C-alpha atoms as a PDB file:
ATOM      1  CA  MET A   1       0.000   0.000   0.000  1.00  0.00           C
ATOM      2  CA  LYS A   2       1.369   3.376  -1.037  1.00  0.00           C
ATOM      3  CA  VAL A   3       1.816   5.911   1.763  1.00  0.00           C
ATOM      4  CA  VAL A   4       0.994   9.499   0.802  1.00  0.00           C
ATOM      5  CA  GLN A   5       3.024  12.134   2.618  1.00  0.00           C
ATOM      6  CA  LEU A   6       0.869  15.043   3.729  1.00  0.00           C
ATOM      7  CA  THR A   7       2.550  18.422   3.670  1.00  0.00           C
ATOM      8  CA  SER A   8       1.264  21.547   5.327  1.00  0.00           C
ATOM      9  CA  GLU A   9      -0.115  24.100   2.927  1.00  0.00           C
ATOM     10  CA  ARG A  10       2.161  27.035   2.287  1.00  0.00           C
ATOM     11  CA  LYS A  11       1.239  30.384   3.767  1.00  0.00           C
ATOM     12  CA  LYS A  12       0.393  33.212   1.388  1.00  0.00           C
ATOM     13  CA  ILE A  13       1.924  36.592   0.694  1.00  0.00           C
ATOM     14  CA  GLU A  14      -0.644  38.705  -1.097  1.00  0.00           C
ATOM     15  CA  VAL A  15      -0.685  42.368  -2.074  1.00  0.00           C
ATOM     16  CA  ALA A  16      -3.863  44.439  -2.256  1.00  0.00           C
ATOM     17  CA  LEU A  17      -2.725  47.158  -4.627  1.00  0.00           C
ATOM     18  CA  THR A  18      -5.482  49.498  -3.410  1.00  0.00           C
ATOM     19  CA  PRO A  19      -7.938  49.376  -0.485  1.00  0.00           C
ATOM     20  CA  ALA A  20     -10.760  49.112  -3.030  1.00  0.00           C
ATOM     21  CA  LEU A  21      -9.642  45.512  -3.671  1.00  0.00           C
ATOM     22  CA  LEU A  22      -9.860  44.398  -0.037  1.00  0.00           C
ATOM     23  CA  PRO A  23     -13.243  42.643  -0.392  1.00  0.00           C
ATOM     24  CA  LEU A  24     -11.502  40.143  -2.701  1.00  0.00           C
ATOM     25  CA  TYR A  25      -9.145  38.873   0.022  1.00  0.00           C
ATOM     26  CA  ASP A  26      -9.469  36.466   2.939  1.00  0.00           C
ATOM     27  CA  ILE A  27      -8.604  39.227   5.342  1.00  0.00           C
ATOM     28  CA  GLU A  28      -9.841  37.459   8.482  1.00  0.00           C
ATOM     29  CA  ASN A  29      -7.185  34.771   8.104  1.00  0.00           C
ATOM     30  CA  SER A  30      -4.275  37.119   7.442  1.00  0.00           C
ATOM     31  CA  ILE A  31      -1.933  39.475   9.198  1.00  0.00           C
ATOM     32  CA  VAL A  32      -2.428  42.809   7.462  1.00  0.00           C
ATOM     33  CA  VAL A  33       0.438  45.235   6.945  1.00  0.00           C
ATOM     34  CA  VAL A  34      -0.903  48.708   6.199  1.00  0.00           C
ATOM     35  CA  ILE A  35       1.368  50.727   3.909  1.00  0.00           C
ATOM     36  CA  ASP A  36       1.230  54.463   3.209  1.00  0.00           C
ATOM     37  CA  ILE A  37       4.831  55.438   2.522  1.00  0.00           C
ATOM     38  CA  PHE A  38       4.162  59.125   1.688  1.00  0.00           C
ATOM     39  CA  ARG A  39       3.517  59.662   4.624  1.00  0.00           C
ATOM     40  CA  ALA A  40       1.123  58.219   7.185  1.00  0.00           C
ATOM     41  CA  THR A  41       2.720  54.887   8.014  1.00  0.00           C
ATOM     42  CA  SER A  42       6.209  56.375   7.924  1.00  0.00           C
ATOM     43  CA  SER A  43       5.108  59.012  10.443  1.00  0.00           C
ATOM     44  CA  ILE A  44       3.354  56.423  12.614  1.00  0.00           C
ATOM     45  CA  CYS A  45       6.456  54.217  12.724  1.00  0.00           C
ATOM     46  CA  TYR A  46       8.636  57.201  13.568  1.00  0.00           C
ATOM     47  CA  GLY A  47       6.265  58.439  16.266  1.00  0.00           C
ATOM     48  CA  ILE A  48       6.030  55.059  17.985  1.00  0.00           C
ATOM     49  CA  GLU A  49       9.816  54.689  17.787  1.00  0.00           C
ATOM     50  CA  ASN A  50      10.151  58.114  19.408  1.00  0.00           C
ATOM     51  CA  GLY A  51       8.073  57.202  22.426  1.00  0.00           C
ATOM     52  CA  ALA A  52       4.493  58.053  21.551  1.00  0.00           C
ATOM     53  CA  GLU A  53       2.310  56.122  23.983  1.00  0.00           C
ATOM     54  CA  ALA A  54      -0.202  55.448  21.218  1.00  0.00           C
ATOM     55  CA  ILE A  55      -1.491  56.753  17.914  1.00  0.00           C
ATOM     56  CA  ILE A  56      -5.249  56.500  17.392  1.00  0.00           C
ATOM     57  CA  PRO A  57      -6.204  56.392  13.712  1.00  0.00           C
ATOM     58  CA  VAL A  58      -9.630  57.800  12.856  1.00  0.00           C
ATOM     59  CA  SER A  59     -11.423  58.189   9.546  1.00  0.00           C
ATOM     60  CA  GLN A  60     -12.921  61.656   9.819  1.00  0.00           C
ATOM     61  CA  VAL A  61     -11.662  65.112  10.716  1.00  0.00           C
ATOM     62  CA  GLU A  62     -14.692  65.535  12.986  1.00  0.00           C
ATOM     63  CA  GLU A  63     -13.645  62.501  15.056  1.00  0.00           C
ATOM     64  CA  CYS A  64     -10.220  64.059  15.482  1.00  0.00           C
ATOM     65  CA  ILE A  65     -11.715  67.333  16.684  1.00  0.00           C
ATOM     66  CA  ALA A  66     -13.754  65.488  19.326  1.00  0.00           C
ATOM     67  CA  TYR A  67     -10.563  63.906  20.699  1.00  0.00           C
ATOM     68  CA  GLY A  68      -8.878  67.313  20.705  1.00  0.00           C
ATOM     69  CA  GLU A  69     -11.602  68.626  22.993  1.00  0.00           C
ATOM     70  CA  LYS A  70     -10.554  65.916  25.470  1.00  0.00           C
ATOM     71  CA  GLY A  71      -6.957  67.118  25.490  1.00  0.00           C
ATOM     72  CA  TYR A  72      -5.363  64.737  22.987  1.00  0.00           C
ATOM     73  CA  LEU A  73      -2.786  65.850  20.440  1.00  0.00           C
ATOM     74  CA  ILE A  74      -4.594  65.867  17.108  1.00  0.00           C
ATOM     75  CA  ALA A  75      -3.144  65.495  13.638  1.00  0.00           C
ATOM     76  CA  ALA A  76      -5.055  65.801  10.374  1.00  0.00           C
ATOM     77  CA  GLU A  77      -3.985  65.744   6.744  1.00  0.00           C
ATOM     78  CA  ARG A  78      -6.057  66.099   3.621  1.00  0.00           C
ATOM     79  CA  ASN A  79      -4.596  66.206   0.120  1.00  0.00           C
ATOM     80  CA  GLY A  80      -1.078  66.481   1.547  1.00  0.00           C
ATOM     81  CA  GLU A  81      -1.739  69.541   3.715  1.00  0.00           C
ATOM     82  CA  VAL A  82      -2.275  70.075   7.439  1.00  0.00           C
ATOM     83  CA  VAL A  83      -5.938  70.722   8.193  1.00  0.00           C
ATOM     84  CA  GLU A  84      -6.321  74.200   9.669  1.00  0.00           C
ATOM     85  CA  GLY A  85      -6.527  74.294  13.451  1.00  0.00           C
ATOM     86  CA  PHE A  86      -4.759  70.995  14.116  1.00  0.00           C
ATOM     87  CA  ASP A  87      -1.573  70.483  16.129  1.00  0.00           C
ATOM     88  CA  PHE A  88       0.153  68.952  13.112  1.00  0.00           C
ATOM     89  CA  GLY A  89      -0.430  66.830  10.037  1.00  0.00           C
ATOM     90  CA  ASN A  90       1.285  63.922   8.391  1.00  0.00           C
ATOM     91  CA  SER A  91       4.934  64.937   8.312  1.00  0.00           C
ATOM     92  CA  PRO A  92       7.371  62.589  10.069  1.00  0.00           C
ATOM     93  CA  PHE A  93       9.162  65.668  11.383  1.00  0.00           C
ATOM     94  CA  SER A  94       6.123  66.327  13.584  1.00  0.00           C
ATOM     95  CA  TYR A  95       6.647  63.007  15.359  1.00  0.00           C
ATOM     96  CA  THR A  96       9.927  63.769  17.121  1.00  0.00           C
ATOM     97  CA  PRO A  97      10.564  62.757  20.763  1.00  0.00           C
ATOM     98  CA  GLU A  98      10.121  66.375  21.847  1.00  0.00           C
ATOM     99  CA  LYS A  99       6.589  66.448  20.444  1.00  0.00           C
ATOM    100  CA  VAL A 100       5.200  62.964  21.011  1.00  0.00           C
ATOM    101  CA  ALA A 101       7.101  61.116  23.753  1.00  0.00           C
ATOM    102  CA  GLY A 102       4.650  59.832  26.358  1.00  0.00           C
ATOM    103  CA  LYS A 103       1.661  61.271  24.512  1.00  0.00           C
ATOM    104  CA  THR A 104      -1.262  59.895  22.541  1.00  0.00           C
ATOM    105  CA  VAL A 105      -1.810  61.343  19.076  1.00  0.00           C
ATOM    106  CA  VAL A 106      -5.113  61.073  17.207  1.00  0.00           C
ATOM    107  CA  LEU A 107      -4.508  60.994  13.459  1.00  0.00           C
ATOM    108  CA  THR A 108      -6.623  61.174  10.315  1.00  0.00           C
ATOM    109  CA  THR A 109      -5.169  61.133   6.805  1.00  0.00           C
ATOM    110  CA  THR A 110      -6.394  60.965   3.235  1.00  0.00           C
ATOM    111  CA  ASN A 111      -5.282  57.400   2.570  1.00  0.00           C
ATOM    112  CA  GLY A 112      -3.451  55.596   5.375  1.00  0.00           C
ATOM    113  CA  THR A 113      -6.098  55.689   8.098  1.00  0.00           C
ATOM    114  CA  HIS A 114      -8.738  54.844   5.474  1.00  0.00           C
ATOM    115  CA  ALA A 115      -6.850  51.658   4.546  1.00  0.00           C
ATOM    116  CA  LEU A 116      -6.399  50.769   8.191  1.00  0.00           C
ATOM    117  CA  HIS A 117     -10.099  51.050   8.975  1.00  0.00           C
ATOM    118  CA  LEU A 118     -11.025  48.885   5.995  1.00  0.00           C
ATOM    119  CA  SER A 119      -8.650  46.202   7.339  1.00  0.00           C
ATOM    120  CA  ARG A 120     -10.253  45.909  10.787  1.00  0.00           C
ATOM    121  CA  LYS A 121     -11.360  42.285  10.371  1.00  0.00           C
ATOM    122  CA  ALA A 122      -7.787  41.048   9.977  1.00  0.00           C
ATOM    123  CA  LYS A 123      -6.222  38.561  12.385  1.00  0.00           C
ATOM    124  CA  SER A 124      -3.910  41.416  13.379  1.00  0.00           C
ATOM    125  CA  ILE A 125      -2.838  44.732  11.860  1.00  0.00           C
ATOM    126  CA  VAL A 126       0.666  46.166  11.867  1.00  0.00           C
ATOM    127  CA  VAL A 127       2.140  49.226  10.217  1.00  0.00           C
ATOM    128  CA  GLY A 128       5.005  49.129   7.747  1.00  0.00           C
ATOM    129  CA  SER A 129       7.403  51.630   6.213  1.00  0.00           C
ATOM    130  CA  PHE A 130      10.921  51.650   4.840  1.00  0.00           C
ATOM    131  CA  LEU A 131      11.929  52.995   8.254  1.00  0.00           C
ATOM    132  CA  ASN A 132      11.161  49.659   9.977  1.00  0.00           C
ATOM    133  CA  LEU A 133      11.430  47.297   6.985  1.00  0.00           C
ATOM    134  CA  THR A 134      13.781  44.631   8.349  1.00  0.00           C
ATOM    135  CA  ALA A 135      12.340  44.583  11.872  1.00  0.00           C
ATOM    136  CA  LEU A 136       8.879  44.164  10.354  1.00  0.00           C
ATOM    137  CA  CYS A 137       9.985  41.354   8.038  1.00  0.00           C
ATOM    138  CA  ASN A 138      11.753  39.487  10.838  1.00  0.00           C
ATOM    139  CA  TRP A 139       8.596  39.606  12.939  1.00  0.00           C
ATOM    140  CA  LEU A 140       6.343  38.539  10.066  1.00  0.00           C
ATOM    141  CA  ARG A 141       8.623  35.595   9.320  1.00  0.00           C
ATOM    142  CA  ASP A 142       8.274  34.390  12.916  1.00  0.00           C
ATOM    143  CA  GLN A 143       4.455  34.478  12.836  1.00  0.00           C
ATOM    144  CA  ASN A 144       3.929  31.716  10.257  1.00  0.00           C
ATOM    145  CA  GLU A 145       0.686  33.321   9.082  1.00  0.00           C
ATOM    146  CA  ASN A 146      -0.808  34.459   5.798  1.00  0.00           C
ATOM    147  CA  ILE A 147       0.342  38.001   5.049  1.00  0.00           C
ATOM    148  CA  LEU A 148      -1.715  40.616   3.233  1.00  0.00           C
ATOM    149  CA  LEU A 149       0.163  43.783   2.312  1.00  0.00           C
ATOM    150  CA  VAL A 150      -2.384  46.574   1.941  1.00  0.00           C
ATOM    151  CA  CYS A 151      -1.268  49.530  -0.156  1.00  0.00           C
ATOM    152  CA  ALA A 152      -3.149  52.670   0.841  1.00  0.00           C
ATOM    153  CA  GLY A 153      -2.701  54.136  -2.628  1.00  0.00           C
ATOM    154  CA  TRP A 154      -4.205  57.506  -3.436  1.00  0.00           C
ATOM    155  CA  LYS A 155      -7.960  57.831  -2.924  1.00  0.00           C
ATOM    156  CA  ASN A 156      -8.464  54.124  -3.644  1.00  0.00           C
ATOM    157  CA  LYS A 157      -6.265  54.224  -6.749  1.00  0.00           C
ATOM    158  CA  PHE A 158      -2.954  52.424  -7.280  1.00  0.00           C
ATOM    159  CA  ASN A 159       0.238  54.238  -6.372  1.00  0.00           C
ATOM    160  CA  LEU A 160       3.845  53.338  -6.985  1.00  0.00           C
ATOM    161  CA  GLU A 161       5.559  54.000  -3.651  1.00  0.00           C
ATOM    162  CA  ASP A 162       3.318  51.722  -1.580  1.00  0.00           C
ATOM    163  CA  SER A 163       3.603  48.951  -4.162  1.00  0.00           C
ATOM    164  CA  VAL A 164       7.411  49.225  -4.184  1.00  0.00           C
ATOM    165  CA  PHE A 165       7.446  48.825  -0.416  1.00  0.00           C
ATOM    166  CA  ALA A 166       5.151  45.805  -0.664  1.00  0.00           C
ATOM    167  CA  GLY A 167       7.736  44.419  -3.077  1.00  0.00           C
ATOM    168  CA  ALA A 168      10.528  45.066  -0.590  1.00  0.00           C
ATOM    169  CA  VAL A 169       8.687  43.030   2.056  1.00  0.00           C
ATOM    170  CA  THR A 170       7.977  40.269  -0.459  1.00  0.00           C
ATOM    171  CA  HIS A 171      11.631  40.214  -1.460  1.00  0.00           C
ATOM    172  CA  GLN A 172      12.837  39.784   2.118  1.00  0.00           C
ATOM    173  CA  LEU A 173      10.289  37.110   2.972  1.00  0.00           C
ATOM    174  CA  LYS A 174      10.168  35.148  -0.281  1.00  0.00           C
ATOM    175  CA  SER A 175      10.966  31.484   0.276  1.00  0.00           C
ATOM    176  CA  ASP A 176       9.462  28.029  -0.120  1.00  0.00           C
ATOM    177  CA  VAL A 177       7.397  28.770   2.987  1.00  0.00           C
ATOM    178  CA  TYR A 178       5.219  31.268   1.126  1.00  0.00           C
ATOM    179  CA  LYS A 179       3.081  31.211  -1.991  1.00  0.00           C
ATOM    180  CA  LEU A 180       3.006  34.587  -3.759  1.00  0.00           C
ATOM    181  CA  ASP A 181       0.046  35.984  -5.641  1.00  0.00           C
ATOM    182  CA  ASP A 182       0.606  37.842  -8.919  1.00  0.00           C
ATOM    183  CA  SER A 183       0.384  41.226  -7.211  1.00  0.00           C
ATOM    184  CA  ALA A 184       3.203  40.249  -4.845  1.00  0.00           C
ATOM    185  CA  ILE A 185       5.308  39.058  -7.790  1.00  0.00           C
ATOM    186  CA  ALA A 186       4.681  42.318  -9.645  1.00  0.00           C
ATOM    187  CA  ALA A 187       5.427  44.385  -6.527  1.00  0.00           C
ATOM    188  CA  GLU A 188       8.732  42.578  -6.052  1.00  0.00           C
ATOM    189  CA  ASP A 189       9.642  43.262  -9.674  1.00  0.00           C
ATOM    190  CA  LEU A 190       8.981  46.971  -9.090  1.00  0.00           C
ATOM    191  CA  TYR A 191      11.127  46.926  -5.953  1.00  0.00           C
ATOM    192  CA  LEU A 192      14.009  45.270  -7.805  1.00  0.00           C
ATOM    193  CA  LEU A 193      13.842  48.059 -10.382  1.00  0.00           C
ATOM    194  CA  ALA A 194      13.821  50.712  -7.659  1.00  0.00           C
ATOM    195  CA  LYS A 195      16.042  49.399  -4.886  1.00  0.00           C
ATOM    196  CA  GLU A 196      19.409  50.779  -6.035  1.00  0.00           C
ATOM    197  CA  ASN A 197      18.067  54.330  -5.846  1.00  0.00           C
ATOM    198  CA  LEU A 198      14.634  54.556  -4.253  1.00  0.00           C
ATOM    199  CA  GLY A 199      14.637  58.345  -4.342  1.00  0.00           C
ATOM    200  CA  ALA A 200      15.296  58.577  -8.066  1.00  0.00           C
ATOM    201  CA  TYR A 201      12.819  55.845  -8.934  1.00  0.00           C
ATOM    202  CA  LEU A 202      10.012  57.247  -6.802  1.00  0.00           C
ATOM    203  CA  ALA A 203      10.641  60.869  -7.795  1.00  0.00           C
ATOM    204  CA  LYS A 204       8.351  60.240 -10.759  1.00  0.00           C
ATOM    205  CA  THR A 205       5.329  59.358  -8.628  1.00  0.00           C
ATOM    206  CA  SER A 206       2.221  61.537  -8.596  1.00  0.00           C
ATOM    207  CA  HIS A 207       2.226  61.865  -4.803  1.00  0.00           C
ATOM    208  CA  SER A 208       5.894  62.822  -4.796  1.00  0.00           C
ATOM    209  CA  ASP A 209       5.005  65.549  -7.281  1.00  0.00           C
ATOM    210  CA  ARG A 210       2.113  66.659  -5.041  1.00  0.00           C
ATOM    211  CA  LEU A 211       4.385  66.958  -2.013  1.00  0.00           C
ATOM    212  CA  LYS A 212       7.064  68.812  -3.976  1.00  0.00           C
ATOM    213  CA  LYS A 213       4.482  71.380  -5.014  1.00  0.00           C
ATOM    214  CA  LEU A 214       3.740  71.865  -1.307  1.00  0.00           C
ATOM    215  CA  GLY A 215       7.465  72.458  -0.674  1.00  0.00           C
ATOM    216  CA  ILE A 216       8.010  69.395   1.499  1.00  0.00           C
ATOM    217  CA  GLU A 217      10.634  67.432  -0.435  1.00  0.00           C
ATOM    218  CA  GLU A 218      12.411  66.720   2.864  1.00  0.00           C
ATOM    219  CA  ASP A 219       9.491  64.531   3.902  1.00  0.00           C
ATOM    220  CA  ILE A 220       9.885  62.408   0.765  1.00  0.00           C
ATOM    221  CA  ALA A 221      13.591  61.855   1.359  1.00  0.00           C
ATOM    222  CA  PHE A 222      13.031  61.008   5.021  1.00  0.00           C
ATOM    223  CA  CYS A 223      10.322  58.447   4.271  1.00  0.00           C
ATOM    224  CA  LEU A 224      12.770  56.545   2.048  1.00  0.00           C
ATOM    225  CA  ASN A 225      15.317  55.965   4.827  1.00  0.00           C
ATOM    226  CA  VAL A 226      15.671  52.223   5.318  1.00  0.00           C
ATOM    227  CA  ASP A 227      15.916  50.569   8.749  1.00  0.00           C
ATOM    228  CA  ILE A 228      16.353  53.627  10.936  1.00  0.00           C
ATOM    229  CA  THR A 229      13.719  52.323  13.382  1.00  0.00           C
ATOM    230  CA  THR A 230      12.888  48.946  14.901  1.00  0.00           C
ATOM    231  CA  ALA A 231       9.495  49.639  16.491  1.00  0.00           C
ATOM    232  CA  ILE A 232       6.511  47.843  14.942  1.00  0.00           C
ATOM    233  CA  PRO A 233       3.186  49.622  15.532  1.00  0.00           C
ATOM    234  CA  ILE A 234       0.351  47.132  16.106  1.00  0.00           C
ATOM    235  CA  LEU A 235      -3.333  47.864  16.451  1.00  0.00           C
ATOM    236  CA  GLU A 236      -4.727  46.999  19.879  1.00  0.00           C
ATOM    237  CA  GLY A 237      -8.367  47.971  20.093  1.00  0.00           C
ATOM    238  CA  GLU A 238      -8.513  51.513  18.746  1.00  0.00           C
ATOM    239  CA  ARG A 239      -4.851  52.299  19.401  1.00  0.00           C
ATOM    240  CA  LEU A 240      -1.635  51.718  17.532  1.00  0.00           C
ATOM    241  CA  VAL A 241       1.019  50.888  20.120  1.00  0.00           C
ATOM    242  CA  LYS A 242       4.534  49.506  20.100  1.00  0.00           C
ATOM    243  CA  LEU A 243       4.636  45.738  19.636  1.00  0.00           C
ATOM    244  CA  LYS A 244       6.209  44.167  22.715  1.00  0.00           C
END
């Protein structure tokens, strides 16, 4: 009698190239990594690294205002600009130790917090950026779970910078342990084109152009720093906190 060897099914690495595609994925059985390189997830990673007690992502400006009335630091960005009357917006330079250490920040952005809220049914949600790339990948590798990389994009449309980062994660994790979907394969191909000079490759992006017109090129350059932080923000309840 022939004995059939049973092998465990490989875990998946999938990339949702925009939040609009999320209904197509088995989100409840995946760890979601939310990606908004220019600039929400980069700022969140930097703020948590710099001692923020928590960052609370909300969808609407009005929700942010309500938190502000309770004494929280509030941050709001729409179309790349700080919303008038808020403590700060989406720039990583607002999330320095002097400004955020020991404090809770309530944040709403055009794309990043939108993607995060649409991912709420995930097994767990973490935040990724080039700033914490290797620390994030090392942790994901240890989890032995399906991974869904959610690109925030721009108003539910595809963007290049988030997809390149999804490719960077795919590239670090790719092995016989994981089965890649076509979006992950394509994202890795983009990353391999970009990796020798991320700044030059991503200078052509529409959001990069938007930020340059606002005079904040320094933000773009900062968000493309690789492995300058090790903190991994994870969603616990309503709060993004440092993964222990």
